[in-house]
């Protein structure tokens, strides 16, 4: 983004939540900025705002400039103008203003940087489209030293939230302070509620409580500060309330951090929640991230990016994940005991701003084959539970009957996750033929590269998947060979690399819009497909 010692602007915004009509009540998101220059910075910012034009709120994030080995945090007011949720759906051109988001960095001999506020706004224009459920926008930003930064964002909106929150934070290398001003929704006024202040923190920072265990294999665990300013492990059911009482109509101030030694909480994200109990606050997604303390290892309380995920140390299995509207849809492609490619699915709500998902693994059989007549699949016994804990939008840990597995976003080509979308590119995520449920298709683009997997059944009724990585010079049509693999890692077995099987023929998709198209199987059978909305 910039050369060492230069001024750096906070340059990241991706947006996320649920579908709603014009004049959105609540929009949340994250802006991501990537420099084409070598060794560009890591920049990840989330935001929330209310309204349509303007949409006003706050942003928060972390930033690691080129030449700096450490992160800094940035937070402040945000304004988005231009009509973030137009009605009817259509193109959007948005001006995004992040107040006082520029920071000045000074390089230290040990490779770290010292950061100071610069009191300058980040202002840029992002353009794209709102499709009625999701918005996708992108643009470019020229930093203070002339470095080009590519911006990309997706967003959704919901009809309301239990509270709005503005945070004032001062985090230095020595101590951290943060205060939240909270305005509760009118529906909560006059009711008895508890307010909870807690953290998602790296396990290494967290002390074990009397009845709590800290799983060091997880990227983030729940914790609260004790009187000594130390993080102590808690569960969703054992959180201690900050305060309990009748909710009033006026804004309320809550202390998140009070001169806490930064070394004790580096990498933690502190959150505020409201509910009749701590379990109801977390399960009902009535929590909001307030401040992320910079650290070498960070828990950012972010929903995962939609796309392909994998364990880069154990190639051959993979995971397709889409997170939207506070829900997540997952499929894992792997192998059964005979070595045949098979798949499992899971779906349901997330918690803690989309950073945690829990559900039952779902198995199916006897559904529609590649070119056979439609028949609905039959559910099979669940092989167990799945939990996915995300430390940020591109990293997490998957826990299922096979153990805990570190997962991360899969790059189709080097630098693929930083490539800007191609013009008129169809949407990433789950697709299906809604009149023939039981089969599904997952598609992701990285620049002009696409990766497709089809989830269906063999003639014997067993689930099977095929993958294709077609070239996409024209995003309105993709064509590629369908390949499957055999002999790879099972759900609970040790790692073993799979072998590729002969191609099952070519698949082609002709897109008729950003969320619709026609899929042609080998032999020419055509199937209408559209985006799966969940």
Protein backbone atom coordinates (compact mmCIF):
# COMPACT_ATOMS: atom_id res chain seq x y z
CA UNK A 1 0.00 0.00 0.00
CA UNK A 2 2.90 2.33 0.75
CA UNK A 3 6.64 2.50 1.20
CA UNK A 4 8.14 2.27 4.72
CA UNK A 5 7.84 5.51 6.66
CA UNK A 6 5.08 6.94 4.44
CA UNK A 7 1.58 7.84 5.59
CA UNK A 8 -0.96 5.04 5.24
CA UNK A 9 -4.72 5.37 4.87
CA UNK A 10 -7.12 2.88 6.39
CA UNK A 11 -8.40 1.24 3.24
CA UNK A 12 -10.55 -1.78 3.85
CA UNK A 13 -14.37 -2.15 3.95
CA UNK A 14 -16.46 -5.92 3.37
CA UNK A 15 -20.16 -5.58 4.33
CA UNK A 16 -22.54 -8.35 5.74
CA UNK A 17 -26.12 -9.00 7.24
CA UNK A 18 -29.76 -9.80 5.98
CA UNK A 19 -32.06 -8.79 3.10
CA UNK A 20 -34.38 -5.82 3.52
CA UNK A 21 -36.23 -3.11 1.61
CA UNK A 22 -35.12 0.40 0.75
CA UNK A 23 -34.16 2.64 3.68
CA UNK A 24 -32.20 -0.11 5.39
CA UNK A 25 -32.34 0.01 9.17
CA UNK A 26 -29.04 -1.76 9.72
CA UNK A 27 -26.17 -2.54 7.35
CA UNK A 28 -22.98 -4.26 8.44
CA UNK A 29 -19.84 -5.07 6.55
CA UNK A 30 -16.11 -5.33 5.97
CA UNK A 31 -13.98 -3.40 3.38
CA UNK A 32 -10.82 -5.15 2.16
CA UNK A 33 -7.96 -3.30 0.50
CA UNK A 34 -5.07 -4.97 -1.31
CA UNK A 35 -2.05 -3.35 -2.93
CA UNK A 36 -0.66 -4.87 -6.14
CA UNK A 37 2.78 -3.84 -4.86
CA UNK A 38 4.94 -6.57 -3.38
CA UNK A 39 4.49 -7.16 0.35
CA UNK A 40 1.34 -5.07 0.53
CA UNK A 41 -0.31 -4.59 3.92
CA UNK A 42 -2.93 -6.66 5.64
CA UNK A 43 -5.99 -4.44 6.04
CA UNK A 44 -9.37 -5.59 7.31
CA UNK A 45 -12.14 -3.27 8.46
CA UNK A 46 -15.71 -3.94 9.46
CA UNK A 47 -18.48 -1.39 9.72
CA UNK A 48 -22.12 -0.94 10.56
CA UNK A 49 -24.48 1.86 9.68
CA UNK A 50 -28.16 2.73 9.66
CA UNK A 51 -30.19 4.43 6.94
CA UNK A 52 -30.04 4.32 3.17
CA UNK A 53 -28.73 7.67 1.88
CA UNK A 54 -26.83 8.50 3.96
CA UNK A 55 -26.05 5.35 5.93
CA UNK A 56 -24.24 6.52 9.06
CA UNK A 57 -22.43 4.49 11.67
CA UNK A 58 -18.98 3.40 12.78
CA UNK A 59 -16.03 1.40 11.48
CA UNK A 60 -13.26 -0.54 13.18
CA UNK A 61 -10.35 -2.56 11.90
CA UNK A 62 -6.70 -3.51 11.96
CA UNK A 63 -3.94 -2.52 9.58
CA UNK A 64 -0.35 -3.66 9.04
CA UNK A 65 1.50 -1.33 6.65
CA UNK A 66 4.37 -2.46 4.46
CA UNK A 67 7.59 -2.52 6.46
CA UNK A 68 5.79 -2.98 9.78
CA UNK A 69 5.70 -6.30 11.61
CA UNK A 70 2.88 -5.20 13.93
CA UNK A 71 -0.75 -4.18 13.49
CA UNK A 72 -2.50 -0.98 14.46
CA UNK A 73 -6.21 -0.52 15.09
CA UNK A 74 -8.38 2.22 13.63
CA UNK A 75 -11.94 3.12 14.61
CA UNK A 76 -14.28 6.06 14.10
CA UNK A 77 -17.43 7.43 12.43
CA UNK A 78 -18.48 6.27 8.95
CA UNK A 79 -20.81 7.73 6.30
CA UNK A 80 -21.91 6.01 3.07
CA UNK A 81 -23.81 8.12 0.54
CA UNK A 82 -25.37 7.26 -2.82
CA UNK A 83 -28.14 4.87 -1.72
CA UNK A 84 -26.65 1.68 -0.29
CA UNK A 85 -29.88 -0.35 -0.73
CA UNK A 86 -31.71 0.93 -3.83
CA UNK A 87 -35.24 -0.06 -4.73
CA UNK A 88 -35.70 -1.68 -7.17
CA UNK A 89 -32.36 -3.54 -7.10
CA UNK A 90 -29.75 -2.23 -9.49
CA UNK A 91 -26.39 -0.50 -9.86
CA UNK A 92 -24.94 1.47 -6.94
CA UNK A 93 -22.24 4.14 -6.77
CA UNK A 94 -21.28 4.75 -3.15
CA UNK A 95 -19.05 7.35 -1.55
CA UNK A 96 -17.49 5.93 1.62
CA UNK A 97 -16.05 8.27 4.25
CA UNK A 98 -14.07 6.90 7.20
CA UNK A 99 -13.39 9.79 9.56
CA UNK A 100 -9.81 10.24 10.80
CA UNK A 101 -8.79 6.89 9.31
CA UNK A 102 -5.34 7.97 8.12
CA UNK A 103 -2.45 7.05 10.41
CA UNK A 104 1.23 7.99 10.38
CA UNK A 105 3.74 5.21 10.99
CA UNK A 106 7.38 5.46 12.02
CA UNK A 107 9.68 2.48 11.50
CA UNK A 108 11.62 1.14 14.48
CA UNK A 109 14.97 -0.72 14.28
CA UNK A 110 13.37 -4.01 15.35
CA UNK A 111 10.91 -4.03 12.42
CA UNK A 112 7.93 -2.79 14.37
CA UNK A 113 6.30 0.57 13.78
CA UNK A 114 5.04 3.30 16.06
CA UNK A 115 1.68 4.69 14.95
CA UNK A 116 0.14 8.11 15.49
CA UNK A 117 -3.24 9.54 14.41
CA UNK A 118 -3.19 11.85 11.41
CA UNK A 119 -6.72 13.28 11.69
CA UNK A 120 -7.49 12.91 8.00
CA UNK A 121 -10.49 11.18 6.46
CA UNK A 122 -10.48 8.30 4.01
CA UNK A 123 -12.90 9.13 1.19
CA UNK A 124 -13.39 6.99 -1.93
CA UNK A 125 -15.97 5.79 -4.42
CA UNK A 126 -17.03 2.15 -4.80
CA UNK A 127 -19.36 0.98 -7.54
CA UNK A 128 -21.20 -2.25 -8.17
CA UNK A 129 -24.67 -3.66 -7.72
CA UNK A 130 -27.33 -4.40 -5.10
CA UNK A 131 -29.26 -7.51 -6.22
CA UNK A 132 -32.01 -7.36 -3.61
CA UNK A 133 -30.20 -9.67 -1.21
CA UNK A 134 -26.53 -8.77 -1.45
CA UNK A 135 -24.43 -5.85 -2.64
CA UNK A 136 -21.05 -6.21 -4.31
CA UNK A 137 -18.90 -3.13 -4.88
CA UNK A 138 -15.29 -2.40 -5.76
CA UNK A 139 -12.99 0.48 -6.63
CA UNK A 140 -9.46 1.79 -6.40
CA UNK A 141 -7.79 4.12 -3.95
CA UNK A 142 -4.56 6.08 -4.38
CA UNK A 143 -2.73 6.26 -1.08
CA UNK A 144 -0.89 9.31 0.20
CA UNK A 145 2.39 8.16 -1.33
CA UNK A 146 0.76 7.39 -4.71
CA UNK A 147 0.41 3.64 -4.15
CA UNK A 148 -2.64 2.07 -5.82
CA UNK A 149 -4.92 0.02 -3.58
CA UNK A 150 -7.71 -2.25 -4.88
CA UNK A 151 -10.89 -2.16 -2.81
CA UNK A 152 -13.52 -4.90 -2.80
CA UNK A 153 -16.65 -5.27 -0.68
CA UNK A 154 -19.85 -7.25 -0.35
CA UNK A 155 -22.77 -6.31 1.87
CA UNK A 156 -26.25 -7.21 3.04
CA UNK A 157 -28.75 -5.54 5.38
CA UNK A 158 -31.31 -6.43 7.99
CA UNK A 159 -34.45 -4.77 9.26
CA UNK A 160 -33.08 -3.80 12.63
CA UNK A 161 -30.78 -4.58 15.53
CA UNK A 162 -31.24 -4.77 19.30
CA UNK A 163 -28.91 -1.82 19.78
CA UNK A 164 -26.66 0.64 17.98
CA UNK A 165 -23.22 1.31 19.38
CA UNK A 166 -20.52 3.98 19.02
CA UNK A 167 -17.11 3.19 20.51
CA UNK A 168 -14.34 5.52 21.67
CA UNK A 169 -11.05 3.67 22.03
CA UNK A 170 -7.46 4.54 22.91
CA UNK A 171 -5.10 1.58 22.57
CA UNK A 172 -1.37 2.12 23.00
CA UNK A 173 1.51 -0.27 23.42
CA UNK A 174 1.13 0.04 27.19
CA UNK A 175 -2.58 0.25 27.98
CA UNK A 176 -6.02 -0.02 26.40
CA UNK A 177 -9.13 2.03 27.11
CA UNK A 178 -12.50 1.81 25.36
CA UNK A 179 -16.01 3.07 26.08
CA UNK A 180 -19.22 2.20 24.22
CA UNK A 181 -22.25 4.48 23.91
CA UNK A 182 -25.26 2.22 23.33
CA UNK A 183 -28.71 3.18 22.04
CA UNK A 184 -31.16 0.32 22.53
CA UNK A 185 -33.95 -0.48 20.07
CA UNK A 186 -37.39 0.81 21.06
CA UNK A 187 -38.67 -2.73 21.52
CA UNK A 188 -36.26 -3.28 24.43
CA UNK A 189 -37.08 -0.04 26.25
CA UNK A 190 -38.90 -0.79 29.51
CA UNK A 191 -37.86 -4.45 29.60
CA UNK A 192 -35.39 -6.06 32.01
CA UNK A 193 -32.18 -6.99 30.23
CA UNK A 194 -28.58 -7.80 31.12
CA UNK A 195 -25.59 -6.26 29.37
CA UNK A 196 -22.49 -8.41 28.92
CA UNK A 197 -18.93 -7.32 28.14
CA UNK A 198 -16.64 -10.16 27.05
CA UNK A 199 -13.89 -11.08 24.62
CA UNK A 200 -12.97 -13.50 21.87
CA UNK A 201 -9.30 -14.07 22.63
CA UNK A 202 -6.32 -16.18 21.55
CA UNK A 203 -6.15 -19.20 23.92
CA UNK A 204 -2.54 -18.41 24.93
CA UNK A 205 -3.78 -15.25 26.69
CA UNK A 206 -6.60 -16.89 28.61
CA UNK A 207 -6.38 -18.35 32.08
CA UNK A 208 -8.51 -21.33 32.98
CA UNK A 209 -11.48 -20.65 35.21
CA UNK A 210 -12.69 -22.93 37.98
CA UNK A 211 -14.90 -25.02 35.69
CA UNK A 212 -13.68 -24.00 32.26
CA UNK A 213 -11.18 -25.53 29.89
CA UNK A 214 -9.14 -23.68 27.30
CA UNK A 215 -8.78 -25.61 24.03
CA UNK A 216 -5.43 -24.43 22.69
CA UNK A 217 -6.21 -25.90 19.25
CA UNK A 218 -8.99 -23.34 18.70
CA UNK A 219 -8.10 -19.93 17.26
CA UNK A 220 -10.32 -18.00 19.69
CA UNK A 221 -12.10 -18.70 22.98
CA UNK A 222 -14.60 -16.81 25.14
CA UNK A 223 -13.14 -14.87 28.07
CA UNK A 224 -13.83 -12.03 30.50
CA UNK A 225 -11.47 -9.74 32.37
CA UNK A 226 -10.96 -10.28 36.08
CA UNK A 227 -10.17 -7.54 38.60
CA UNK A 228 -6.45 -7.91 37.85
CA UNK A 229 -6.94 -7.15 34.16
CA UNK A 230 -6.39 -10.77 33.09
CA UNK A 231 -8.51 -12.78 30.67
CA UNK A 232 -10.25 -15.75 32.28
CA UNK A 233 -12.06 -18.48 30.30
CA UNK A 234 -15.86 -18.51 30.37
CA UNK A 235 -18.65 -20.27 28.50
CA UNK A 236 -21.69 -18.80 26.80
CA UNK A 237 -23.73 -19.80 29.86
CA UNK A 238 -21.29 -18.53 32.50
CA UNK A 239 -20.73 -14.93 31.37
CA UNK A 240 -21.11 -12.44 34.22
CA UNK A 241 -23.38 -9.48 33.48
CA UNK A 242 -21.93 -5.98 33.43
CA UNK A 243 -25.27 -4.67 34.59
CA UNK A 244 -28.89 -5.88 34.82
CA UNK A 245 -31.93 -3.64 34.92
CA UNK A 246 -34.76 -1.92 33.09
CA UNK A 247 -33.65 -0.56 29.69
CA UNK A 248 -34.13 3.19 29.31
CA UNK A 249 -34.71 5.18 26.11
CA UNK A 250 -31.57 7.29 26.35
CA UNK A 251 -28.07 6.32 25.28
CA UNK A 252 -26.10 4.38 27.90
CA UNK A 253 -22.32 4.39 28.38
CA UNK A 254 -20.41 1.20 29.23
CA UNK A 255 -16.72 0.82 29.95
CA UNK A 256 -15.22 -1.90 27.78
CA UNK A 257 -11.58 -1.47 28.81
CA UNK A 258 -10.22 0.63 31.67
CA UNK A 259 -6.44 1.06 31.48
CA UNK A 260 -5.92 -2.67 30.87
CA UNK A 261 -2.29 -3.66 30.10
CA UNK A 262 -2.20 -4.18 26.34
CA UNK A 263 0.10 -7.18 26.64
CA UNK A 264 -2.65 -9.02 28.55
CA UNK A 265 -5.22 -8.64 25.76
CA UNK A 266 -3.22 -8.31 22.51
CA UNK A 267 -5.19 -9.89 19.67
CA UNK A 268 -8.52 -10.05 21.53
CA UNK A 269 -11.78 -8.57 20.27
CA UNK A 270 -14.02 -7.19 22.99
CA UNK A 271 -17.76 -7.44 22.49
CA UNK A 272 -20.95 -6.17 24.07
CA UNK A 273 -24.17 -8.14 24.18
CA UNK A 274 -27.68 -7.77 25.57
CA UNK A 275 -30.24 -10.39 26.59
CA UNK A 276 -32.24 -11.92 29.38
CA UNK A 277 -29.31 -14.31 29.84
CA UNK A 278 -25.81 -14.62 28.40
CA UNK A 279 -26.82 -17.72 26.45
CA UNK A 280 -29.78 -15.90 24.87
CA UNK A 281 -27.60 -12.91 23.97
CA UNK A 282 -25.08 -15.08 22.15
CA UNK A 283 -27.50 -17.57 20.60
CA UNK A 284 -29.75 -14.71 19.46
CA UNK A 285 -26.85 -12.83 17.85
CA UNK A 286 -27.57 -9.87 20.13
CA UNK A 287 -23.86 -9.11 20.42
CA UNK A 288 -21.64 -6.58 18.72
CA UNK A 289 -17.86 -6.27 18.43
CA UNK A 290 -16.59 -3.06 20.05
CA UNK A 291 -12.80 -3.00 19.66
CA UNK A 292 -10.04 -5.30 18.42
CA UNK A 293 -6.71 -4.94 20.22
CA UNK A 294 -3.78 -5.28 17.78
CA UNK A 295 -1.65 -8.37 18.27
CA UNK A 296 0.50 -10.90 16.44
CA UNK A 297 -2.38 -13.39 16.67
CA UNK A 298 -5.80 -11.78 16.32
CA UNK A 299 -9.41 -12.81 16.98
CA UNK A 300 -11.38 -10.42 14.81
CA UNK A 301 -14.99 -11.62 15.30
CA UNK A 302 -15.61 -11.68 11.55
CA UNK A 303 -17.83 -13.84 9.36
CA UNK A 304 -15.92 -16.00 6.87
CA UNK A 305 -15.53 -15.06 3.25
CA UNK A 306 -17.70 -17.01 0.85
CA UNK A 307 -15.60 -19.42 -1.19
CA UNK A 308 -13.41 -22.48 -1.13
CA UNK A 309 -11.53 -23.43 2.03
CA UNK A 310 -8.95 -26.15 2.76
CA UNK A 311 -6.23 -27.41 5.06
CA UNK A 312 -3.16 -26.43 3.07
CA UNK A 313 -1.13 -29.16 4.79
CA UNK A 314 -3.55 -31.91 3.72
CA UNK A 315 -4.58 -31.31 0.14
CA UNK A 316 -7.33 -33.44 -1.35
CA UNK A 317 -10.22 -32.51 0.91
CA UNK A 318 -11.97 -29.18 0.74
CA UNK A 319 -14.85 -27.16 2.10
CA UNK A 320 -17.29 -24.84 0.36
CA UNK A 321 -18.66 -22.15 2.68
CA UNK A 322 -21.14 -19.35 2.15
CA UNK A 323 -22.06 -17.03 5.01
CA UNK A 324 -24.99 -14.65 4.59
CA UNK A 325 -27.78 -13.10 6.63
CA UNK A 326 -26.36 -14.49 9.88
CA UNK A 327 -26.47 -18.04 8.49
CA UNK A 328 -23.88 -20.39 7.05
CA UNK A 329 -24.13 -23.18 4.47
CA UNK A 330 -21.24 -25.67 4.44
CA UNK A 331 -20.27 -28.73 2.42
CA UNK A 332 -17.18 -30.86 2.87
CA UNK A 333 -15.89 -32.94 0.01
CA UNK A 334 -13.88 -35.97 1.11
CA UNK A 335 -13.83 -39.79 0.67
CA UNK A 336 -15.63 -42.80 2.11
CA UNK A 337 -14.10 -46.03 3.42
CA UNK A 338 -14.02 -47.52 -0.10
CA UNK A 339 -12.09 -44.52 -1.42
CA UNK A 340 -14.98 -43.04 -3.41
CA UNK A 341 -15.50 -39.29 -3.37
CA UNK A 342 -18.35 -38.37 -1.03
CA UNK A 343 -19.73 -35.25 0.65
CA UNK A 344 -21.41 -34.00 3.82
CA UNK A 345 -23.30 -30.77 4.45
CA UNK A 346 -24.33 -28.54 7.35
CA UNK A 347 -26.38 -25.36 7.61
CA UNK A 348 -27.77 -23.01 10.21
CA UNK A 349 -27.29 -19.76 12.13
CA UNK A 350 -23.97 -18.35 13.24
CA UNK A 351 -23.16 -16.44 16.42
CA UNK A 352 -20.69 -13.79 17.56
CA UNK A 353 -20.92 -11.71 14.37
CA UNK A 354 -20.71 -14.79 12.19
CA UNK A 355 -17.41 -16.01 13.65
CA UNK A 356 -18.81 -19.24 15.16
CA UNK A 357 -21.00 -21.90 13.53
CA UNK A 358 -22.34 -25.08 15.15
CA UNK A 359 -24.62 -27.70 13.67
CA UNK A 360 -25.22 -31.32 12.74
CA UNK A 361 -23.46 -32.86 9.77
CA UNK A 362 -26.04 -33.90 7.18
CA UNK A 363 -25.71 -36.95 4.92
CA UNK A 364 -27.93 -37.91 1.97
CA UNK A 365 -28.23 -40.78 -0.51
CA UNK A 366 -30.33 -42.05 -3.44
CA UNK A 367 -30.81 -38.68 -5.10
CA UNK A 368 -30.59 -37.55 -8.71
CA UNK A 369 -27.64 -38.69 -10.83
CA UNK A 370 -25.80 -36.51 -13.31
CA UNK A 371 -28.16 -37.13 -16.23
CA UNK A 372 -30.93 -39.24 -14.70
CA UNK A 373 -34.54 -38.39 -13.92
CA UNK A 374 -35.25 -36.38 -10.81
CA UNK A 375 -35.73 -38.15 -7.50
CA UNK A 376 -35.47 -36.59 -4.09
CA UNK A 377 -32.62 -37.83 -1.91
CA UNK A 378 -33.20 -39.54 1.41
CA UNK A 379 -31.58 -38.26 4.62
CA UNK A 380 -29.07 -40.58 6.28
CA UNK A 381 -27.91 -40.79 9.89
CA UNK A 382 -25.80 -37.81 10.91
CA UNK A 383 -22.11 -38.69 11.37
CA UNK A 384 -21.83 -36.13 14.18
CA UNK A 385 -21.60 -32.44 15.05
CA UNK A 386 -19.51 -29.73 13.43
CA UNK A 387 -18.20 -26.47 14.89
CA UNK A 388 -16.28 -23.89 12.90
CA UNK A 389 -14.52 -21.07 14.75
CA UNK A 390 -13.14 -18.27 12.57
CA UNK A 391 -10.32 -16.03 13.81
CA UNK A 392 -10.82 -13.76 10.81
CA UNK A 393 -12.48 -13.81 7.41
CA UNK A 394 -9.85 -16.15 5.90
CA UNK A 395 -8.74 -18.43 8.76
CA UNK A 396 -10.41 -20.79 11.19
CA UNK A 397 -10.58 -24.19 12.84
CA UNK A 398 -13.10 -26.86 11.86
CA UNK A 399 -14.01 -29.33 14.63
CA UNK A 400 -15.87 -32.51 13.66
CA UNK A 401 -15.66 -36.28 14.30
CA UNK A 402 -12.25 -36.31 12.58
CA UNK A 403 -10.79 -33.86 15.12
CA UNK A 404 -9.78 -30.22 14.90
CA UNK A 405 -8.55 -29.06 11.49
CA UNK A 406 -7.01 -25.72 10.70
CA UNK A 407 -8.64 -24.30 7.57
CA UNK A 408 -7.99 -21.26 5.42
CA UNK A 409 -9.20 -19.72 2.17
CA UNK A 410 -8.04 -21.55 -0.95
CA UNK A 411 -6.23 -19.58 -3.64
CA UNK A 412 -6.91 -20.97 -7.12
CA UNK A 413 -3.87 -19.13 -8.46
CA UNK A 414 -1.10 -17.27 -6.62
CA UNK A 415 -2.58 -14.07 -5.26
CA UNK A 416 -6.05 -15.16 -6.33
CA UNK A 417 -7.76 -13.86 -3.19
CA UNK A 418 -6.54 -10.36 -4.00
CA UNK A 419 -7.73 -10.30 -7.63
CA UNK A 420 -10.47 -7.83 -8.47
CA UNK A 421 -13.77 -9.21 -9.82
CA UNK A 422 -14.19 -9.36 -13.59
CA UNK A 423 -16.88 -7.07 -15.01
CA UNK A 424 -20.34 -8.72 -15.18
CA UNK A 425 -19.13 -11.68 -13.15
CA UNK A 426 -21.91 -13.91 -11.71
CA UNK A 427 -22.20 -14.30 -7.96
CA UNK A 428 -20.03 -16.57 -5.83
CA UNK A 429 -21.76 -19.17 -3.67
CA UNK A 430 -24.37 -21.90 -3.77
CA UNK A 431 -26.51 -22.53 -6.88
CA UNK A 432 -29.31 -25.03 -7.52
CA UNK A 433 -32.31 -25.97 -9.62
CA UNK A 434 -35.12 -25.03 -7.22
CA UNK A 435 -37.56 -27.45 -8.88
CA UNK A 436 -35.18 -30.39 -8.37
CA UNK A 437 -33.75 -29.95 -4.90
CA UNK A 438 -31.13 -32.38 -3.61
CA UNK A 439 -28.26 -31.50 -5.94
CA UNK A 440 -26.15 -28.38 -5.61
CA UNK A 441 -23.37 -26.44 -7.28
CA UNK A 442 -20.78 -24.23 -5.64
CA UNK A 443 -18.98 -21.63 -7.73
CA UNK A 444 -16.27 -19.14 -6.86
CA UNK A 445 -14.38 -16.67 -9.06
CA UNK A 446 -10.96 -15.22 -8.34
CA UNK A 447 -10.31 -12.68 -11.07
CA UNK A 448 -10.81 -14.50 -14.38
CA UNK A 449 -10.48 -17.92 -12.70
CA UNK A 450 -13.44 -20.04 -11.65
CA UNK A 451 -13.71 -23.18 -9.53
CA UNK A 452 -16.89 -25.28 -9.66
CA UNK A 453 -17.99 -28.37 -7.75
CA UNK A 454 -21.19 -30.33 -8.28
CA UNK A 455 -22.73 -32.33 -5.44
CA UNK A 456 -24.96 -35.20 -6.62
CA UNK A 457 -25.31 -39.02 -6.61
CA UNK A 458 -24.09 -42.15 -8.39
CA UNK A 459 -26.38 -44.68 -10.08
CA UNK A 460 -25.97 -46.83 -6.94
CA UNK A 461 -27.33 -43.97 -4.83
CA UNK A 462 -24.10 -42.91 -3.11
CA UNK A 463 -23.23 -39.21 -2.86
CA UNK A 464 -20.41 -38.11 -5.17
CA UNK A 465 -18.83 -34.80 -6.18
CA UNK A 466 -17.12 -33.59 -9.32
CA UNK A 467 -14.85 -30.57 -9.61
CA UNK A 468 -13.90 -28.34 -12.52
CA UNK A 469 -11.56 -25.36 -12.83
CA UNK A 470 -12.47 -23.81 -16.17
CA UNK A 471 -10.91 -20.79 -17.81
CA UNK A 472 -13.31 -17.84 -17.85
CA UNK A 473 -12.26 -15.29 -20.48
CA UNK A 474 -15.99 -14.59 -20.85
CA UNK A 475 -17.68 -14.57 -17.43
CA UNK A 476 -21.07 -15.17 -19.05
CA UNK A 477 -20.03 -18.72 -19.98
CA UNK A 478 -17.71 -21.27 -18.38
CA UNK A 479 -16.74 -24.67 -19.78
CA UNK A 480 -14.46 -27.27 -18.22
CA UNK A 481 -13.79 -30.94 -17.59
CA UNK A 482 -15.52 -32.66 -14.67
CA UNK A 483 -12.95 -34.52 -12.57
CA UNK A 484 -13.32 -36.61 -9.46
CA UNK A 485 -10.74 -38.11 -7.18
CA UNK A 486 -10.48 -41.39 -5.24
CA UNK A 487 -8.56 -42.88 -2.35
CA UNK A 488 -8.24 -39.70 -0.28
CA UNK A 489 -8.76 -38.93 3.39
CA UNK A 490 -11.95 -40.10 5.08
CA UNK A 491 -13.87 -38.21 7.77
CA UNK A 492 -11.95 -39.75 10.66
CA UNK A 493 -8.98 -41.46 9.00
CA UNK A 494 -5.33 -40.39 8.73
CA UNK A 495 -4.20 -38.19 5.89
CA UNK A 496 -3.60 -39.71 2.49
CA UNK A 497 -3.42 -37.93 -0.85
CA UNK A 498 -6.09 -38.81 -3.42
CA UNK A 499 -5.57 -39.75 -7.04
CA UNK A 500 -7.39 -38.16 -9.96
CA UNK A 501 -9.91 -40.25 -11.88
CA UNK A 502 -10.60 -39.95 -15.59
CA UNK A 503 -12.74 -36.99 -16.59
CA UNK A 504 -16.49 -37.59 -16.61
CA UNK A 505 -16.83 -35.20 -19.57
CA UNK A 506 -17.28 -31.46 -19.90
CA UNK A 507 -19.72 -29.21 -18.09
CA UNK A 508 -20.80 -25.80 -19.39
CA UNK A 509 -22.75 -23.00 -17.72
CA UNK A 510 -24.26 -20.13 -19.68
CA UNK A 511 -25.21 -17.31 -17.31
CA UNK A 512 -28.30 -15.25 -18.06
CA UNK A 513 -27.72 -12.84 -15.17
CA UNK A 514 -25.68 -12.43 -11.99
CA UNK A 515 -27.80 -15.06 -10.21
CA UNK A 516 -29.22 -17.26 -12.98
CA UNK A 517 -28.02 -19.53 -15.76
CA UNK A 518 -28.30 -22.85 -17.59
CA UNK A 519 -25.98 -25.79 -16.84
CA UNK A 520 -25.27 -28.33 -19.59
CA UNK A 521 -24.10 -31.76 -18.45
CA UNK A 522 -21.95 -34.06 -20.62
CA UNK A 523 -24.17 -35.27 -23.42
CA UNK A 524 -26.04 -31.96 -23.61
CA UNK A 525 -28.75 -32.32 -20.94
CA UNK A 526 -29.57 -28.78 -19.79
CA UNK A 527 -30.63 -27.74 -16.28
CA UNK A 528 -31.74 -24.24 -15.24
CA UNK A 529 -29.87 -23.05 -12.15
CA UNK A 530 -30.06 -19.99 -9.92
CA UNK A 531 -28.51 -18.73 -6.72
CA UNK A 532 -29.63 -20.59 -3.63
CA UNK A 533 -31.01 -18.10 -1.08
CA UNK A 534 -30.96 -19.26 2.51
